[in-house]
PDB file of N, CA and C in Angstrom:
ATOM      1  N   UNK A   1      48.866 -20.386  51.191  1.00  0.00           N
ATOM      2  CA  UNK A   1      48.814 -20.208  49.750  1.00  0.00           C
ATOM      3  C   UNK A   1      47.466 -19.636  49.352  1.00  0.00           C
ATOM      4  N   UNK A   2      47.466 -18.720  48.442  1.00  0.00           N
ATOM      5  CA  UNK A   2      46.229 -18.072  47.990  1.00  0.00           C
ATOM      6  C   UNK A   2      45.459 -19.016  47.086  1.00  0.00           C
ATOM      7  N   UNK A   3      44.115 -18.797  47.004  1.00  0.00           N
ATOM      8  CA  UNK A   3      43.256 -19.623  46.149  1.00  0.00           C
ATOM      9  C   UNK A   3      43.606 -19.451  44.684  1.00  0.00           C
ATOM     10  N   UNK A   4      43.624 -20.540  43.957  1.00  0.00           N
ATOM     11  CA  UNK A   4      43.943 -20.481  42.538  1.00  0.00           C
ATOM     12  C   UNK A   4      42.653 -20.391  41.727  1.00  0.00           C
ATOM     13  N   UNK A   5      42.731 -19.702  40.616  1.00  0.00           N
ATOM     14  CA  UNK A   5      41.564 -19.583  39.741  1.00  0.00           C
ATOM     15  C   UNK A   5      41.381 -20.885  38.969  1.00  0.00           C
ATOM     16  N   UNK A   6      40.177 -21.072  38.457  1.00  0.00           N
ATOM     17  CA  UNK A   6      39.860 -22.281  37.710  1.00  0.00           C
ATOM     18  C   UNK A   6      40.588 -22.312  36.371  1.00  0.00           C
ATOM     19  N   UNK A   7      40.920 -21.157  35.827  1.00  0.00           N
ATOM     20  CA  UNK A   7      41.584 -21.074  34.524  1.00  0.00           C
ATOM     21  C   UNK A   7      43.085 -20.859  34.755  1.00  0.00           C
ATOM     22  N   UNK A   8      43.931 -21.646  34.103  1.00  0.00           N
ATOM     23  CA  UNK A   8      45.372 -21.411  34.210  1.00  0.00           C
ATOM     24  C   UNK A   8      45.739 -20.053  33.611  1.00  0.00           C
ATOM     25  N   UNK A   9      46.823 -19.489  34.079  1.00  0.00           N
ATOM     26  CA  UNK A   9      47.264 -18.189  33.558  1.00  0.00           C
ATOM     27  C   UNK A   9      47.558 -18.297  32.074  1.00  0.00           C
ATOM     28  N   UNK A  10      47.226 -17.247  31.348  1.00  0.00           N
ATOM     29  CA  UNK A  10      47.496 -17.197  29.928  1.00  0.00           C
ATOM     30  C   UNK A  10      46.448 -17.875  29.061  1.00  0.00           C
ATOM     31  N   UNK A  11      45.447 -18.482  29.666  1.00  0.00           N
ATOM     32  CA  UNK A  11      44.390 -19.146  28.905  1.00  0.00           C
ATOM     33  C   UNK A  11      43.243 -18.168  28.680  1.00  0.00           C
ATOM     34  N   UNK A  12      42.663 -18.168  27.479  1.00  0.00           N
ATOM     35  CA  UNK A  12      41.527 -17.265  27.228  1.00  0.00           C
ATOM     36  C   UNK A  12      40.308 -17.703  28.024  1.00  0.00           C
ATOM     37  N   UNK A  13      39.513 -16.742  28.382  1.00  0.00           N
ATOM     38  CA  UNK A  13      38.270 -17.044  29.097  1.00  0.00           C
ATOM     39  C   UNK A  13      37.262 -17.600  28.095  1.00  0.00           C
ATOM     40  N   UNK A  14      36.427 -18.530  28.492  1.00  0.00           N
ATOM     41  CA  UNK A  14      35.422 -19.059  27.565  1.00  0.00           C
ATOM     42  C   UNK A  14      34.424 -17.972  27.187  1.00  0.00           C
ATOM     43  N   UNK A  15      33.917 -18.047  25.959  1.00  0.00           N
ATOM     44  CA  UNK A  15      32.947 -17.066  25.475  1.00  0.00           C
ATOM     45  C   UNK A  15      31.577 -17.359  26.073  1.00  0.00           C
ATOM     46  N   UNK A  16      30.841 -16.302  26.299  1.00  0.00           N
ATOM     47  CA  UNK A  16      29.466 -16.482  26.738  1.00  0.00           C
ATOM     48  C   UNK A  16      28.603 -16.720  25.510  1.00  0.00           C
ATOM     49  N   UNK A  17      27.431 -17.285  25.719  1.00  0.00           N
ATOM     50  CA  UNK A  17      26.550 -17.660  24.610  1.00  0.00           C
ATOM     51  C   UNK A  17      26.219 -16.468  23.712  1.00  0.00           C
ATOM     52  N   UNK A  18      26.057 -15.271  24.274  1.00  0.00           N
ATOM     53  CA  UNK A  18      25.679 -14.107  23.471  1.00  0.00           C
ATOM     54  C   UNK A  18      26.760 -13.712  22.471  1.00  0.00           C
ATOM     55  N   UNK A  19      27.999 -14.145  22.692  1.00  0.00           N
ATOM     56  CA  UNK A  19      29.094 -13.728  21.827  1.00  0.00           C
ATOM     57  C   UNK A  19      29.657 -14.871  20.989  1.00  0.00           C
ATOM     58  N   UNK A  20      29.190 -16.067  21.199  1.00  0.00           N
ATOM     59  CA  UNK A  20      29.775 -17.219  20.523  1.00  0.00           C
ATOM     60  C   UNK A  20      29.301 -17.330  19.074  1.00  0.00           C
ATOM     61  N   UNK A  21      28.084 -17.721  18.872  1.00  0.00           N
ATOM     62  CA  UNK A  21      27.546 -17.940  17.536  1.00  0.00           C
ATOM     63  C   UNK A  21      26.145 -17.364  17.480  1.00  0.00           C
ATOM     64  N   UNK A  22      25.728 -16.867  16.298  1.00  0.00           N
ATOM     65  CA  UNK A  22      24.385 -16.295  16.178  1.00  0.00           C
ATOM     66  C   UNK A  22      23.280 -17.254  16.599  1.00  0.00           C
ATOM     67  N   UNK A  23      23.493 -18.554  16.418  1.00  0.00           N
ATOM     68  CA  UNK A  23      22.450 -19.512  16.778  1.00  0.00           C
ATOM     69  C   UNK A  23      22.251 -19.586  18.286  1.00  0.00           C
ATOM     70  N   UNK A  24      23.244 -19.116  19.046  1.00  0.00           N
ATOM     71  CA  UNK A  24      23.127 -19.144  20.493  1.00  0.00           C
ATOM     72  C   UNK A  24      22.597 -17.830  21.052  1.00  0.00           C
ATOM     73  N   UNK A  25      22.338 -16.880  20.184  1.00  0.00           N
ATOM     74  CA  UNK A  25      21.840 -15.585  20.629  1.00  0.00           C
ATOM     75  C   UNK A  25      20.377 -15.692  21.012  1.00  0.00           C
ATOM     76  N   UNK A  26      19.941 -14.720  21.749  1.00  0.00           N
ATOM     77  CA  UNK A  26      18.522 -14.643  22.062  1.00  0.00           C
ATOM     78  C   UNK A  26      17.763 -14.489  20.745  1.00  0.00           C
ATOM     79  N   UNK A  27      16.587 -15.106  20.624  1.00  0.00           N
ATOM     80  CA  UNK A  27      15.869 -15.104  19.330  1.00  0.00           C
ATOM     81  C   UNK A  27      15.650 -13.716  18.743  1.00  0.00           C
ATOM     82  N   UNK A  28      15.289 -12.722  19.564  1.00  0.00           N
ATOM     83  CA  UNK A  28      15.018 -11.395  18.999  1.00  0.00           C
ATOM     84  C   UNK A  28      16.292 -10.722  18.491  1.00  0.00           C
ATOM     85  N   UNK A  29      17.430 -11.024  19.112  1.00  0.00           N
ATOM     86  CA  UNK A  29      18.701 -10.449  18.654  1.00  0.00           C
ATOM     87  C   UNK A  29      19.113 -11.095  17.333  1.00  0.00           C
ATOM     88  N   UNK A  30      19.001 -12.411  17.262  1.00  0.00           N
ATOM     89  CA  UNK A  30      19.339 -13.113  16.024  1.00  0.00           C
ATOM     90  C   UNK A  30      18.425 -12.664  14.892  1.00  0.00           C
ATOM     91  N   UNK A  31      17.153 -12.465  15.196  1.00  0.00           N
ATOM     92  CA  UNK A  31      16.194 -12.024  14.186  1.00  0.00           C
ATOM     93  C   UNK A  31      16.536 -10.619  13.687  1.00  0.00           C
ATOM     94  N   UNK A  32      16.871  -9.735  14.593  1.00  0.00           N
ATOM     95  CA  UNK A  32      17.229  -8.369  14.198  1.00  0.00           C
ATOM     96  C   UNK A  32      18.482  -8.357  13.328  1.00  0.00           C
ATOM     97  N   UNK A  33      19.447  -9.197  13.672  1.00  0.00           N
ATOM     98  CA  UNK A  33      20.663  -9.285  12.857  1.00  0.00           C
ATOM     99  C   UNK A  33      20.339  -9.819  11.472  1.00  0.00           C
ATOM    100  N   UNK A  34      19.487 -10.820  11.405  1.00  0.00           N
ATOM    101  CA  UNK A  34      19.097 -11.410  10.119  1.00  0.00           C
ATOM    102  C   UNK A  34      18.383 -10.378   9.246  1.00  0.00           C
ATOM    103  N   UNK A  35      17.478  -9.600   9.851  1.00  0.00           N
ATOM    104  CA  UNK A  35      16.772  -8.545   9.109  1.00  0.00           C
ATOM    105  C   UNK A  35      17.781  -7.538   8.559  1.00  0.00           C
ATOM    106  N   UNK A  36      18.732  -7.136   9.376  1.00  0.00           N
ATOM    107  CA  UNK A  36      19.748  -6.185   8.927  1.00  0.00           C
ATOM    108  C   UNK A  36      20.582  -6.725   7.790  1.00  0.00           C
ATOM    109  N   UNK A  37      20.943  -7.996   7.882  1.00  0.00           N
ATOM    110  CA  UNK A  37      21.725  -8.624   6.818  1.00  0.00           C
ATOM    111  C   UNK A  37      20.934  -8.698   5.521  1.00  0.00           C
ATOM    112  N   UNK A  38      19.674  -9.098   5.604  1.00  0.00           N
ATOM    113  CA  UNK A  38      18.828  -9.178   4.412  1.00  0.00           C
ATOM    114  C   UNK A  38      18.664  -7.807   3.763  1.00  0.00           C
ATOM    115  N   UNK A  39      18.455  -6.779   4.578  1.00  0.00           N
ATOM    116  CA  UNK A  39      18.291  -5.426   4.031  1.00  0.00           C
ATOM    117  C   UNK A  39      19.592  -4.930   3.383  1.00  0.00           C
ATOM    118  N   UNK A  40      20.721  -5.241   3.994  1.00  0.00           N
ATOM    119  CA  UNK A  40      22.008  -4.831   3.417  1.00  0.00           C
ATOM    120  C   UNK A  40      22.244  -5.518   2.070  1.00  0.00           C
ATOM    121  N   UNK A  41      21.907  -6.803   1.986  1.00  0.00           N
ATOM    122  CA  UNK A  41      22.069  -7.512   0.713  1.00  0.00           C
ATOM    123  C   UNK A  41      21.145  -6.921  -0.346  1.00  0.00           C
ATOM    124  N   UNK A  42      19.907  -6.625   0.034  1.00  0.00           N
ATOM    125  CA  UNK A  42      18.962  -6.034  -0.915  1.00  0.00           C
ATOM    126  C   UNK A  42      19.474  -4.681  -1.397  1.00  0.00           C
ATOM    127  N   UNK A  43      19.923  -3.840  -0.483  1.00  0.00           N
ATOM    128  CA  UNK A  43      20.439  -2.522  -0.858  1.00  0.00           C
ATOM    129  C   UNK A  43      21.608  -2.642  -1.828  1.00  0.00           C
ATOM    130  N   UNK A  44      22.523  -3.553  -1.541  1.00  0.00           N
ATOM    131  CA  UNK A  44      23.687  -3.743  -2.410  1.00  0.00           C
ATOM    132  C   UNK A  44      23.260  -4.178  -3.804  1.00  0.00           C
ATOM    133  N   UNK A  45      22.331  -5.103  -3.868  1.00  0.00           N
ATOM    134  CA  UNK A  45      21.870  -5.574  -5.171  1.00  0.00           C
ATOM    135  C   UNK A  45      21.136  -4.486  -5.947  1.00  0.00           C
ATOM    136  N   UNK A  46      20.328  -3.664  -5.271  1.00  0.00           N
ATOM    137  CA  UNK A  46      19.642  -2.557  -5.953  1.00  0.00           C
ATOM    138  C   UNK A  46      20.665  -1.556  -6.507  1.00  0.00           C
ATOM    139  N   UNK A  47      21.690  -1.262  -5.731  1.00  0.00           N
ATOM    140  CA  UNK A  47      22.727  -0.330  -6.179  1.00  0.00           C
ATOM    141  C   UNK A  47      23.452  -0.888  -7.394  1.00  0.00           C
ATOM    142  N   UNK A  48      23.799  -2.171  -7.327  1.00  0.00           N
ATOM    143  CA  UNK A  48      24.489  -2.794  -8.456  1.00  0.00           C
ATOM    144  C   UNK A  48      23.596  -2.856  -9.695  1.00  0.00           C
ATOM    145  N   UNK A  49      22.308  -3.083  -9.511  1.00  0.00           N
ATOM    146  CA  UNK A  49      21.380  -3.101 -10.649  1.00  0.00           C
ATOM    147  C   UNK A  49      21.358  -1.733 -11.332  1.00  0.00           C
ATOM    148  N   UNK A  50      21.367  -0.674 -10.536  1.00  0.00           N
ATOM    149  CA  UNK A  50      21.411   0.668 -11.122  1.00  0.00           C
ATOM    150  C   UNK A  50      22.714   0.893 -11.893  1.00  0.00           C
ATOM    151  N   UNK A  51      23.825   0.392 -11.345  1.00  0.00           N
ATOM    152  CA  UNK A  51      25.113   0.536 -12.025  1.00  0.00           C
ATOM    153  C   UNK A  51      25.099  -0.236 -13.342  1.00  0.00           C
ATOM    154  N   UNK A  52      24.558  -1.420 -13.325  1.00  0.00           N
ATOM    155  CA  UNK A  52      24.484  -2.247 -14.528  1.00  0.00           C
ATOM    156  C   UNK A  52      23.554  -1.620 -15.560  1.00  0.00           C
ATOM    157  N   UNK A  53      22.521  -0.938 -15.091  1.00  0.00           N
ATOM    158  CA  UNK A  53      21.639  -0.218 -16.012  1.00  0.00           C
ATOM    159  C   UNK A  53      22.413   0.826 -16.811  1.00  0.00           C
ATOM    160  N   UNK A  54      23.451   1.379 -16.204  1.00  0.00           N
ATOM    161  CA  UNK A  54      24.301   2.330 -16.937  1.00  0.00           C
ATOM    162  C   UNK A  54      24.962   1.675 -18.138  1.00  0.00           C
ATOM    163  N   UNK A  55      25.379   0.411 -17.989  1.00  0.00           N
ATOM    164  CA  UNK A  55      25.955  -0.319 -19.126  1.00  0.00           C
ATOM    165  C   UNK A  55      24.901  -0.544 -20.203  1.00  0.00           C
ATOM    166  N   UNK A  56      23.694  -0.846 -19.768  1.00  0.00           N
ATOM    167  CA  UNK A  56      22.594  -1.053 -20.718  1.00  0.00           C
ATOM    168  C   UNK A  56      22.351   0.220 -21.518  1.00  0.00           C
ATOM    169  N   UNK A  57      22.304   1.358 -20.819  1.00  0.00           N
ATOM    170  CA  UNK A  57      22.078   2.645 -21.495  1.00  0.00           C
ATOM    171  C   UNK A  57      23.211   2.968 -22.469  1.00  0.00           C
ATOM    172  N   UNK A  58      24.437   2.644 -22.074  1.00  0.00           N
ATOM    173  CA  UNK A  58      25.582   2.903 -22.953  1.00  0.00           C
ATOM    174  C   UNK A  58      25.489   2.053 -24.222  1.00  0.00           C
ATOM    175  N   UNK A  59      25.071   0.810 -24.061  1.00  0.00           N
ATOM    176  CA  UNK A  59      24.910  -0.059 -25.233  1.00  0.00           C
ATOM    177  C   UNK A  59      23.791   0.450 -26.134  1.00  0.00           C
ATOM    178  N   UNK A  60      22.707   0.913 -25.510  1.00  0.00           N
ATOM    179  CA  UNK A  60      21.593   1.446 -26.298  1.00  0.00           C
ATOM    180  C   UNK A  60      22.039   2.681 -27.070  1.00  0.00           C
ATOM    181  N   UNK A  61      22.810   3.551 -26.399  1.00  0.00           N
ATOM    182  CA  UNK A  61      23.264   4.786 -27.041  1.00  0.00           C
ATOM    183  C   UNK A  61      24.253   4.501 -28.176  1.00  0.00           C
ATOM    184  N   UNK A  62      24.984   3.405 -28.070  1.00  0.00           N
ATOM    185  CA  UNK A  62      25.978   3.101 -29.106  1.00  0.00           C
ATOM    186  C   UNK A  62      25.438   2.169 -30.189  1.00  0.00           C
ATOM    187  N   UNK A  63      24.147   1.849 -30.103  1.00  0.00           N
ATOM    188  CA  UNK A  63      23.534   1.002 -31.121  1.00  0.00           C
ATOM    189  C   UNK A  63      23.909  -0.466 -31.000  1.00  0.00           C
ATOM    190  N   UNK A  64      24.072  -0.942 -29.792  1.00  0.00           N
ATOM    191  CA  UNK A  64      24.434  -2.341 -29.552  1.00  0.00           C
ATOM    192  C   UNK A  64      23.245  -3.045 -28.872  1.00  0.00           C
ATOM    193  N   UNK A  65      22.266  -3.516 -29.658  1.00  0.00           N
ATOM    194  CA  UNK A  65      21.068  -4.115 -29.059  1.00  0.00           C
ATOM    195  C   UNK A  65      21.348  -5.419 -28.309  1.00  0.00           C
ATOM    196  N   UNK A  66      22.334  -6.191 -28.740  1.00  0.00           N
ATOM    197  CA  UNK A  66      22.659  -7.432 -28.025  1.00  0.00           C
ATOM    198  C   UNK A  66      23.205  -7.125 -26.632  1.00  0.00           C
ATOM    199  N   UNK A  67      24.110  -6.160 -26.574  1.00  0.00           N
ATOM    200  CA  UNK A  67      24.654  -5.745 -25.276  1.00  0.00           C
ATOM    201  C   UNK A  67      23.578  -5.148 -24.394  1.00  0.00           C
ATOM    202  N   UNK A  68      22.713  -4.337 -24.992  1.00  0.00           N
ATOM    203  CA  UNK A  68      21.624  -3.730 -24.230  1.00  0.00           C
ATOM    204  C   UNK A  68      20.724  -4.803 -23.612  1.00  0.00           C
ATOM    205  N   UNK A  69      20.363  -5.803 -24.412  1.00  0.00           N
ATOM    206  CA  UNK A  69      19.493  -6.869 -23.914  1.00  0.00           C
ATOM    207  C   UNK A  69      20.169  -7.674 -22.814  1.00  0.00           C
ATOM    208  N   UNK A  70      21.443  -7.952 -22.969  1.00  0.00           N
ATOM    209  CA  UNK A  70      22.188  -8.710 -21.966  1.00  0.00           C
ATOM    210  C   UNK A  70      22.229  -7.974 -20.631  1.00  0.00           C
ATOM    211  N   UNK A  71      22.608  -6.691 -20.661  1.00  0.00           N
ATOM    212  CA  UNK A  71      22.698  -5.916 -19.425  1.00  0.00           C
ATOM    213  C   UNK A  71      21.321  -5.728 -18.790  1.00  0.00           C
ATOM    214  N   UNK A  72      20.303  -5.633 -19.614  1.00  0.00           N
ATOM    215  CA  UNK A  72      18.942  -5.507 -19.085  1.00  0.00           C
ATOM    216  C   UNK A  72      18.551  -6.767 -18.304  1.00  0.00           C
ATOM    217  N   UNK A  73      18.870  -7.942 -18.851  1.00  0.00           N
ATOM    218  CA  UNK A  73      18.566  -9.206 -18.163  1.00  0.00           C
ATOM    219  C   UNK A  73      19.321  -9.306 -16.843  1.00  0.00           C
ATOM    220  N   UNK A  74      20.587  -8.911 -16.858  1.00  0.00           N
ATOM    221  CA  UNK A  74      21.392  -8.997 -15.639  1.00  0.00           C
ATOM    222  C   UNK A  74      20.845  -8.052 -14.570  1.00  0.00           C
ATOM    223  N   UNK A  75      20.527  -6.828 -14.945  1.00  0.00           N
ATOM    224  CA  UNK A  75      19.968  -5.863 -13.985  1.00  0.00           C
ATOM    225  C   UNK A  75      18.642  -6.377 -13.432  1.00  0.00           C
ATOM    226  N   UNK A  76      17.833  -6.984 -14.293  1.00  0.00           N
ATOM    227  CA  UNK A  76      16.547  -7.532 -13.844  1.00  0.00           C
ATOM    228  C   UNK A  76      16.771  -8.658 -12.826  1.00  0.00           C
ATOM    229  N   UNK A  77      17.746  -9.513 -13.073  1.00  0.00           N
ATOM    230  CA  UNK A  77      18.047 -10.604 -12.134  1.00  0.00           C
ATOM    231  C   UNK A  77      18.491 -10.045 -10.784  1.00  0.00           C
ATOM    232  N   UNK A  78      19.316  -9.001 -10.789  1.00  0.00           N
ATOM    233  CA  UNK A  78      19.754  -8.375  -9.536  1.00  0.00           C
ATOM    234  C   UNK A  78      18.558  -7.809  -8.777  1.00  0.00           C
ATOM    235  N   UNK A  79      17.669  -7.128  -9.495  1.00  0.00           N
ATOM    236  CA  UNK A  79      16.499  -6.536  -8.834  1.00  0.00           C
ATOM    237  C   UNK A  79      15.547  -7.608  -8.296  1.00  0.00           C
ATOM    238  N   UNK A  80      15.421  -8.713  -9.032  1.00  0.00           N
ATOM    239  CA  UNK A  80      14.576  -9.812  -8.561  1.00  0.00           C
ATOM    240  C   UNK A  80      15.119 -10.382  -7.258  1.00  0.00           C
ATOM    241  N   UNK A  81      16.434 -10.609  -7.196  1.00  0.00           N
ATOM    242  CA  UNK A  81      17.057 -11.110  -5.969  1.00  0.00           C
ATOM    243  C   UNK A  81      16.890 -10.101  -4.829  1.00  0.00           C
ATOM    244  N   UNK A  82      17.096  -8.826  -5.134  1.00  0.00           N
ATOM    245  CA  UNK A  82      16.958  -7.786  -4.111  1.00  0.00           C
ATOM    246  C   UNK A  82      15.533  -7.738  -3.574  1.00  0.00           C
ATOM    247  N   UNK A  83      14.546  -7.841  -4.450  1.00  0.00           N
ATOM    248  CA  UNK A  83      13.147  -7.866  -4.006  1.00  0.00           C
ATOM    249  C   UNK A  83      12.889  -9.050  -3.079  1.00  0.00           C
ATOM    250  N   UNK A  84      13.460 -10.196  -3.410  1.00  0.00           N
ATOM    251  CA  UNK A  84      13.287 -11.380  -2.567  1.00  0.00           C
ATOM    252  C   UNK A  84      13.860 -11.175  -1.175  1.00  0.00           C
ATOM    253  N   UNK A  85      15.065 -10.604  -1.097  1.00  0.00           N
ATOM    254  CA  UNK A  85      15.670 -10.330   0.212  1.00  0.00           C
ATOM    255  C   UNK A  85      14.853  -9.318   0.993  1.00  0.00           C
ATOM    256  N   UNK A  86      14.359  -8.313   0.300  1.00  0.00           N
ATOM    257  CA  UNK A  86      13.557  -7.280   0.953  1.00  0.00           C
ATOM    258  C   UNK A  86      12.259  -7.870   1.513  1.00  0.00           C
ATOM    259  N   UNK A  87      11.610  -8.727   0.740  1.00  0.00           N
ATOM    260  CA  UNK A  87      10.376  -9.367   1.214  1.00  0.00           C
ATOM    261  C   UNK A  87      10.640 -10.286   2.394  1.00  0.00           C
ATOM    262  N   UNK A  88      11.761 -11.025   2.355  1.00  0.00           N
ATOM    263  CA  UNK A  88      12.120 -11.874   3.490  1.00  0.00           C
ATOM    264  C   UNK A  88      12.307 -11.042   4.749  1.00  0.00           C
ATOM    265  N   UNK A  89      12.988  -9.910   4.617  1.00  0.00           N
ATOM    266  CA  UNK A  89      13.211  -9.037   5.771  1.00  0.00           C
ATOM    267  C   UNK A  89      11.893  -8.507   6.295  1.00  0.00           C
ATOM    268  N   UNK A  90      11.002  -8.089   5.392  1.00  0.00           N
ATOM    269  CA  UNK A  90       9.697  -7.587   5.822  1.00  0.00           C
ATOM    270  C   UNK A  90       8.908  -8.662   6.569  1.00  0.00           C
ATOM    271  N   UNK A  91       8.930  -9.891   6.054  1.00  0.00           N
ATOM    272  CA  UNK A  91       8.209 -10.978   6.714  1.00  0.00           C
ATOM    273  C   UNK A  91       8.799 -11.280   8.075  1.00  0.00           C
ATOM    274  N   UNK A  92      10.102 -11.351   8.155  1.00  0.00           N
ATOM    275  CA  UNK A  92      10.765 -11.656   9.419  1.00  0.00           C
ATOM    276  C   UNK A  92      10.524 -10.538  10.434  1.00  0.00           C
ATOM    277  N   UNK A  93      10.564  -9.326   9.986  1.00  0.00           N
ATOM    278  CA  UNK A  93      10.350  -8.199  10.876  1.00  0.00           C
ATOM    279  C   UNK A  93       8.883  -8.160  11.337  1.00  0.00           C
ATOM    280  N   UNK A  94       7.968  -8.523  10.451  1.00  0.00           N
ATOM    281  CA  UNK A  94       6.552  -8.544  10.812  1.00  0.00           C
ATOM    282  C   UNK A  94       6.243  -9.600  11.863  1.00  0.00           C
ATOM    283  N   UNK A  95       6.942 -10.735  11.778  1.00  0.00           N
ATOM    284  CA  UNK A  95       6.732 -11.815  12.737  1.00  0.00           C
ATOM    285  C   UNK A  95       7.201 -11.446  14.128  1.00  0.00           C
ATOM    286  N   UNK A  96       8.247 -10.618  14.212  1.00  0.00           N
ATOM    287  CA  UNK A  96       8.853 -10.315  15.505  1.00  0.00           C
ATOM    288  C   UNK A  96       8.671  -8.868  15.906  1.00  0.00           C
ATOM    289  N   UNK A  97       7.700  -8.199  15.324  1.00  0.00           N
ATOM    290  CA  UNK A  97       7.496  -6.769  15.652  1.00  0.00           C
ATOM    291  C   UNK A  97       6.821  -6.600  16.994  1.00  0.00           C
TER     292      UNK A  97
END
């Protein structure tokens, strides 16, 4: 009789640490992924802030100061969050450069 494998037929092979969870990744790989995620979130928020600024401009053009002020606050909040993500990415990248 031929040697049998440790895994029964039809069973998935166990995942290696590099593919299981980000916490099990090598530190530099996890750090690079985190930097990429932070930058993507910042980019998305900056883009959305610009889009929201369009609503602010439309309100200003139509003489709606309440709407203009509201959209301005929302765009500012998006940019503040984006700046925070960008700074986190810069700090993390600086630590592991």
